[in-house]
Amino acid sequence: MDDFTAKQKQAYLDNSGNHCPKCNGSDLHCANLETDGTQAWRNITCEDCNEEFTDIYKLVDVERYGI
């Protein structure tokens, strides 16, 4: 399986992950968010082209809520 090109990855990130990095389709099915304590990820399937990929998340900030 080939990885996405740097250009495809950057376009996906620039678009906030709203479109498939392979076909640019917007019908994305997202699995539940998983974590191992140091990172989080979510498996994504594009319903337009059947591409499967994983979004990887990192902690960037913290805020209080409910105040």
PDB file of N, CA and C in Angstrom:
ATOM      1  N   MET A   1       0.850  -1.181   0.000  1.00  0.00           N
ATOM      2  CA  MET A   1       0.000   0.000   0.000  1.00  0.00           C
ATOM      3  C   MET A   1       0.895   1.243   0.000  1.00  0.00           C
ATOM      4  N   ASP A   2       0.657   2.141  -0.915  1.00  0.00           N
ATOM      5  CA  ASP A   2       1.421   3.382  -0.987  1.00  0.00           C
ATOM      6  C   ASP A   2       0.891   4.385   0.013  1.00  0.00           C
ATOM      7  N   ASP A   3       1.810   5.168   0.572  1.00  0.00           N
ATOM      8  CA  ASP A   3       1.420   6.240   1.479  1.00  0.00           C
ATOM      9  C   ASP A   3       0.980   7.444   0.645  1.00  0.00           C
ATOM     10  N   PHE A   4       0.308   8.371   1.288  1.00  0.00           N
ATOM     11  CA  PHE A   4      -0.081   9.598   0.603  1.00  0.00           C
ATOM     12  C   PHE A   4       1.160  10.432   0.320  1.00  0.00           C
ATOM     13  N   THR A   5       1.112  11.218  -0.731  1.00  0.00           N
ATOM     14  CA  THR A   5       2.218  12.121  -1.032  1.00  0.00           C
ATOM     15  C   THR A   5       2.208  13.269  -0.022  1.00  0.00           C
ATOM     16  N   ALA A   6       3.309  13.964   0.068  1.00  0.00           N
ATOM     17  CA  ALA A   6       3.386  15.125   0.955  1.00  0.00           C
ATOM     18  C   ALA A   6       2.336  16.164   0.568  1.00  0.00           C
ATOM     19  N   LYS A   7       2.095  16.324  -0.739  1.00  0.00           N
ATOM     20  CA  LYS A   7       1.103  17.282  -1.222  1.00  0.00           C
ATOM     21  C   LYS A   7      -0.310  16.871  -0.795  1.00  0.00           C
ATOM     22  N   GLN A   8      -0.632  15.568  -0.902  1.00  0.00           N
ATOM     23  CA  GLN A   8      -1.946  15.084  -0.472  1.00  0.00           C
ATOM     24  C   GLN A   8      -2.144  15.289   1.033  1.00  0.00           C
ATOM     25  N   LYS A   9      -1.117  14.953   1.815  1.00  0.00           N
ATOM     26  CA  LYS A   9      -1.209  15.130   3.269  1.00  0.00           C
ATOM     27  C   LYS A   9      -1.423  16.594   3.634  1.00  0.00           C
ATOM     28  N   GLN A  10      -0.648  17.484   3.003  1.00  0.00           N
ATOM     29  CA  GLN A  10      -0.771  18.908   3.337  1.00  0.00           C
ATOM     30  C   GLN A  10      -2.130  19.448   2.945  1.00  0.00           C
ATOM     31  N   ALA A  11      -2.659  19.043   1.797  1.00  0.00           N
ATOM     32  CA  ALA A  11      -3.990  19.493   1.376  1.00  0.00           C
ATOM     33  C   ALA A  11      -5.045  19.010   2.367  1.00  0.00           C
ATOM     34  N   TYR A  12      -4.910  17.776   2.850  1.00  0.00           N
ATOM     35  CA  TYR A  12      -5.849  17.225   3.838  1.00  0.00           C
ATOM     36  C   TYR A  12      -5.794  18.031   5.136  1.00  0.00           C
ATOM     37  N   LEU A  13      -4.598  18.316   5.613  1.00  0.00           N
ATOM     38  CA  LEU A  13      -4.446  19.096   6.844  1.00  0.00           C
ATOM     39  C   LEU A  13      -4.941  20.532   6.663  1.00  0.00           C
ATOM     40  N   ASP A  14      -4.635  21.131   5.522  1.00  0.00           N
ATOM     41  CA  ASP A  14      -5.087  22.505   5.251  1.00  0.00           C
ATOM     42  C   ASP A  14      -6.605  22.592   5.206  1.00  0.00           C
ATOM     43  N   ASN A  15      -7.267  21.504   4.833  1.00  0.00           N
ATOM     44  CA  ASN A  15      -8.722  21.458   4.725  1.00  0.00           C
ATOM     45  C   ASN A  15      -9.361  20.929   6.006  1.00  0.00           C
ATOM     46  N   SER A  16      -8.581  20.869   7.095  1.00  0.00           N
ATOM     47  CA  SER A  16      -9.061  20.415   8.411  1.00  0.00           C
ATOM     48  C   SER A  16      -9.617  18.991   8.383  1.00  0.00           C
ATOM     49  N   GLY A  17      -9.142  18.173   7.464  1.00  0.00           N
ATOM     50  CA  GLY A  17      -9.561  16.783   7.414  1.00  0.00           C
ATOM     51  C   GLY A  17     -10.987  16.564   6.969  1.00  0.00           C
ATOM     52  N   ASN A  18     -11.537  17.499   6.215  1.00  0.00           N
ATOM     53  CA  ASN A  18     -12.934  17.399   5.791  1.00  0.00           C
ATOM     54  C   ASN A  18     -13.137  16.688   4.454  1.00  0.00           C
ATOM     55  N   HIS A  19     -12.050  16.385   3.749  1.00  0.00           N
ATOM     56  CA  HIS A  19     -12.137  15.720   2.453  1.00  0.00           C
ATOM     57  C   HIS A  19     -11.048  14.659   2.354  1.00  0.00           C
ATOM     58  N   CYS A  20     -11.356  13.582   1.681  1.00  0.00           N
ATOM     59  CA  CYS A  20     -10.428  12.464   1.503  1.00  0.00           C
ATOM     60  C   CYS A  20      -9.126  12.945   0.855  1.00  0.00           C
ATOM     61  N   PRO A  21      -7.981  12.535   1.407  1.00  0.00           N
ATOM     62  CA  PRO A  21      -6.712  12.943   0.799  1.00  0.00           C
ATOM     63  C   PRO A  21      -6.443  12.267  -0.550  1.00  0.00           C
ATOM     64  N   LYS A  22      -7.171  11.192  -0.867  1.00  0.00           N
ATOM     65  CA  LYS A  22      -6.968  10.503  -2.151  1.00  0.00           C
ATOM     66  C   LYS A  22      -7.864  11.074  -3.244  1.00  0.00           C
ATOM     67  N   CYS A  23      -9.198  11.134  -2.978  1.00  0.00           N
ATOM     68  CA  CYS A  23     -10.135  11.523  -4.047  1.00  0.00           C
ATOM     69  C   CYS A  23     -10.807  12.877  -3.806  1.00  0.00           C
ATOM     70  N   ASN A  24     -10.555  13.468  -2.650  1.00  0.00           N
ATOM     71  CA  ASN A  24     -11.152  14.754  -2.257  1.00  0.00           C
ATOM     72  C   ASN A  24     -12.656  14.638  -1.971  1.00  0.00           C
ATOM     73  N   GLY A  25     -13.150  13.405  -1.825  1.00  0.00           N
ATOM     74  CA  GLY A  25     -14.556  13.193  -1.483  1.00  0.00           C
ATOM     75  C   GLY A  25     -14.844  13.637  -0.047  1.00  0.00           C
ATOM     76  N   SER A  26     -16.097  13.954   0.212  1.00  0.00           N
ATOM     77  CA  SER A  26     -16.463  14.449   1.540  1.00  0.00           C
ATOM     78  C   SER A  26     -17.326  13.476   2.341  1.00  0.00           C
ATOM     79  N   ASP A  27     -17.593  12.295   1.798  1.00  0.00           N
ATOM     80  CA  ASP A  27     -18.416  11.305   2.505  1.00  0.00           C
ATOM     81  C   ASP A  27     -17.501  10.401   3.326  1.00  0.00           C
ATOM     82  N   LEU A  28     -17.080  10.907   4.492  1.00  0.00           N
ATOM     83  CA  LEU A  28     -16.126  10.205   5.339  1.00  0.00           C
ATOM     84  C   LEU A  28     -16.839   9.571   6.528  1.00  0.00           C
ATOM     85  N   HIS A  29     -16.532   8.326   6.799  1.00  0.00           N
ATOM     86  CA  HIS A  29     -17.076   7.604   7.947  1.00  0.00           C
ATOM     87  C   HIS A  29     -15.964   7.525   8.986  1.00  0.00           C
ATOM     88  N   CYS A  30     -16.231   8.049  10.179  1.00  0.00           N
ATOM     89  CA  CYS A  30     -15.230   8.117  11.236  1.00  0.00           C
ATOM     90  C   CYS A  30     -15.537   7.113  12.333  1.00  0.00           C
ATOM     91  N   ALA A  31     -14.545   6.313  12.696  1.00  0.00           N
ATOM     92  CA  ALA A  31     -14.672   5.384  13.820  1.00  0.00           C
ATOM     93  C   ALA A  31     -14.518   6.170  15.121  1.00  0.00           C
ATOM     94  N   ASN A  32     -14.753   5.505  16.236  1.00  0.00           N
ATOM     95  CA  ASN A  32     -14.591   6.143  17.539  1.00  0.00           C
ATOM     96  C   ASN A  32     -13.139   6.530  17.774  1.00  0.00           C
ATOM     97  N   LEU A  33     -12.963   7.617  18.505  1.00  0.00           N
ATOM     98  CA  LEU A  33     -11.636   8.086  18.866  1.00  0.00           C
ATOM     99  C   LEU A  33     -11.022   7.107  19.857  1.00  0.00           C
ATOM    100  N   GLU A  34      -9.782   6.710  19.605  1.00  0.00           N
ATOM    101  CA  GLU A  34      -9.064   5.809  20.491  1.00  0.00           C
ATOM    102  C   GLU A  34      -7.836   6.532  21.027  1.00  0.00           C
ATOM    103  N   THR A  35      -7.359   6.103  22.190  1.00  0.00           N
ATOM    104  CA  THR A  35      -6.184   6.724  22.781  1.00  0.00           C
ATOM    105  C   THR A  35      -5.386   5.701  23.566  1.00  0.00           C
ATOM    106  N   ASP A  36      -4.103   5.957  23.678  1.00  0.00           N
ATOM    107  CA  ASP A  36      -3.262   5.110  24.510  1.00  0.00           C
ATOM    108  C   ASP A  36      -2.602   5.912  25.618  1.00  0.00           C
ATOM    109  N   GLY A  37      -3.066   7.124  25.844  1.00  0.00           N
ATOM    110  CA  GLY A  37      -2.523   7.984  26.885  1.00  0.00           C
ATOM    111  C   GLY A  37      -1.504   8.982  26.384  1.00  0.00           C
ATOM    112  N   THR A  38      -0.851   8.697  25.268  1.00  0.00           N
ATOM    113  CA  THR A  38       0.137   9.625  24.730  1.00  0.00           C
ATOM    114  C   THR A  38      -0.282  10.222  23.397  1.00  0.00           C
ATOM    115  N   GLN A  39      -1.179   9.540  22.711  1.00  0.00           N
ATOM    116  CA  GLN A  39      -1.710  10.059  21.450  1.00  0.00           C
ATOM    117  C   GLN A  39      -3.117   9.520  21.253  1.00  0.00           C
ATOM    118  N   ALA A  40      -3.817  10.119  20.321  1.00  0.00           N
ATOM    119  CA  ALA A  40      -5.169   9.667  19.980  1.00  0.00           C
ATOM    120  C   ALA A  40      -5.241   9.526  18.470  1.00  0.00           C
ATOM    121  N   TRP A  41      -6.123   8.649  18.017  1.00  0.00           N
ATOM    122  CA  TRP A  41      -6.281   8.429  16.586  1.00  0.00           C
ATOM    123  C   TRP A  41      -7.704   7.997  16.288  1.00  0.00           C
ATOM    124  N   ARG A  42      -8.086   8.155  15.050  1.00  0.00           N
ATOM    125  CA  ARG A  42      -9.410   7.772  14.575  1.00  0.00           C
ATOM    126  C   ARG A  42      -9.265   7.211  13.171  1.00  0.00           C
ATOM    127  N   ASN A  43      -9.779   6.009  12.961  1.00  0.00           N
ATOM    128  CA  ASN A  43      -9.757   5.411  11.623  1.00  0.00           C
ATOM    129  C   ASN A  43     -10.889   6.003  10.794  1.00  0.00           C
ATOM    130  N   ILE A  44     -10.574   6.342   9.571  1.00  0.00           N
ATOM    131  CA  ILE A  44     -11.510   6.995   8.659  1.00  0.00           C
ATOM    132  C   ILE A  44     -11.636   6.141   7.395  1.00  0.00           C
ATOM    133  N   THR A  45     -12.852   6.039   6.871  1.00  0.00           N
ATOM    134  CA  THR A  45     -13.090   5.402   5.581  1.00  0.00           C
ATOM    135  C   THR A  45     -13.810   6.394   4.685  1.00  0.00           C
ATOM    136  N   CYS A  46     -13.287   6.593   3.491  1.00  0.00           N
ATOM    137  CA  CYS A  46     -13.957   7.428   2.503  1.00  0.00           C
ATOM    138  C   CYS A  46     -14.986   6.568   1.788  1.00  0.00           C
ATOM    139  N   GLU A  47     -16.246   6.938   1.886  1.00  0.00           N
ATOM    140  CA  GLU A  47     -17.315   6.173   1.246  1.00  0.00           C
ATOM    141  C   GLU A  47     -17.347   6.399  -0.268  1.00  0.00           C
ATOM    142  N   ASP A  48     -16.649   7.429  -0.749  1.00  0.00           N
ATOM    143  CA  ASP A  48     -16.612   7.709  -2.184  1.00  0.00           C
ATOM    144  C   ASP A  48     -15.627   6.801  -2.919  1.00  0.00           C
ATOM    145  N   CYS A  49     -14.445   6.542  -2.336  1.00  0.00           N
ATOM    146  CA  CYS A  49     -13.430   5.746  -3.029  1.00  0.00           C
ATOM    147  C   CYS A  49     -12.951   4.536  -2.222  1.00  0.00           C
ATOM    148  N   ASN A  50     -13.510   4.350  -1.020  1.00  0.00           N
ATOM    149  CA  ASN A  50     -13.158   3.234  -0.135  1.00  0.00           C
ATOM    150  C   ASN A  50     -11.744   3.302   0.424  1.00  0.00           C
ATOM    151  N   GLU A  51     -11.103   4.461   0.339  1.00  0.00           N
ATOM    152  CA  GLU A  51      -9.780   4.638   0.944  1.00  0.00           C
ATOM    153  C   GLU A  51      -9.923   4.581   2.465  1.00  0.00           C
ATOM    154  N   GLU A  52      -8.985   3.926   3.134  1.00  0.00           N
ATOM    155  CA  GLU A  52      -8.965   3.872   4.590  1.00  0.00           C
ATOM    156  C   GLU A  52      -7.695   4.545   5.076  1.00  0.00           C
ATOM    157  N   PHE A  53      -7.827   5.386   6.087  1.00  0.00           N
ATOM    158  CA  PHE A  53      -6.673   6.093   6.636  1.00  0.00           C
ATOM    159  C   PHE A  53      -6.942   6.422   8.094  1.00  0.00           C
ATOM    160  N   THR A  54      -5.937   6.914   8.778  1.00  0.00           N
ATOM    161  CA  THR A  54      -6.034   7.195  10.203  1.00  0.00           C
ATOM    162  C   THR A  54      -5.666   8.648  10.466  1.00  0.00           C
ATOM    163  N   ASP A  55      -6.547   9.369  11.147  1.00  0.00           N
ATOM    164  CA  ASP A  55      -6.218  10.701  11.648  1.00  0.00           C
ATOM    165  C   ASP A  55      -5.484  10.519  12.966  1.00  0.00           C
ATOM    166  N   ILE A  56      -4.392  11.265  13.165  1.00  0.00           N
ATOM    167  CA  ILE A  56      -3.603  11.189  14.392  1.00  0.00           C
ATOM    168  C   ILE A  56      -3.670  12.559  15.054  1.00  0.00           C
ATOM    169  N   TYR A  57      -3.983  12.557  16.347  1.00  0.00           N
ATOM    170  CA  TYR A  57      -4.192  13.791  17.094  1.00  0.00           C
ATOM    171  C   TYR A  57      -3.138  13.952  18.175  1.00  0.00           C
ATOM    172  N   LYS A  58      -2.839  15.214  18.497  1.00  0.00           N
ATOM    173  CA  LYS A  58      -1.963  15.502  19.614  1.00  0.00           C
ATOM    174  C   LYS A  58      -2.581  16.611  20.450  1.00  0.00           C
ATOM    175  N   LEU A  59      -2.287  16.598  21.730  1.00  0.00           N
ATOM    176  CA  LEU A  59      -2.785  17.605  22.656  1.00  0.00           C
ATOM    177  C   LEU A  59      -2.070  18.929  22.395  1.00  0.00           C
ATOM    178  N   VAL A  60      -2.850  20.002  22.200  1.00  0.00           N
ATOM    179  CA  VAL A  60      -2.234  21.297  21.908  1.00  0.00           C
ATOM    180  C   VAL A  60      -2.605  22.378  22.914  1.00  0.00           C
ATOM    181  N   ASP A  61      -3.625  22.116  23.757  1.00  0.00           N
ATOM    182  CA  ASP A  61      -4.041  23.140  24.714  1.00  0.00           C
ATOM    183  C   ASP A  61      -4.986  22.515  25.724  1.00  0.00           C
ATOM    184  N   VAL A  62      -5.284  23.266  26.763  1.00  0.00           N
ATOM    185  CA  VAL A  62      -6.277  22.842  27.767  1.00  0.00           C
ATOM    186  C   VAL A  62      -7.069  24.063  28.211  1.00  0.00           C
ATOM    187  N   GLU A  63      -8.367  23.910  28.431  1.00  0.00           N
ATOM    188  CA  GLU A  63      -9.238  24.973  28.906  1.00  0.00           C
ATOM    189  C   GLU A  63     -10.189  24.398  29.946  1.00  0.00           C
ATOM    190  N   ARG A  64     -10.648  25.245  30.831  1.00  0.00           N
ATOM    191  CA  ARG A  64     -11.707  24.832  31.745  1.00  0.00           C
ATOM    192  C   ARG A  64     -13.034  24.907  31.029  1.00  0.00           C
ATOM    193  N   TYR A  65     -13.963  24.079  31.442  1.00  0.00           N
ATOM    194  CA  TYR A  65     -15.295  24.134  30.881  1.00  0.00           C
ATOM    195  C   TYR A  65     -16.297  24.109  32.016  1.00  0.00           C
ATOM    196  N   GLY A  66     -17.518  24.530  31.725  1.00  0.00           N
ATOM    197  CA  GLY A  66     -18.594  24.493  32.699  1.00  0.00           C
ATOM    198  C   GLY A  66     -18.509  25.557  33.781  1.00  0.00           C
ATOM    199  N   ILE A  67     -17.728  26.595  33.573  1.00  0.00           N
ATOM    200  CA  ILE A  67     -17.673  27.659  34.577  1.00  0.00           C
ATOM    201  C   ILE A  67     -18.535  28.827  34.148  1.00  0.00           C
TER     202      ILE A  67
END
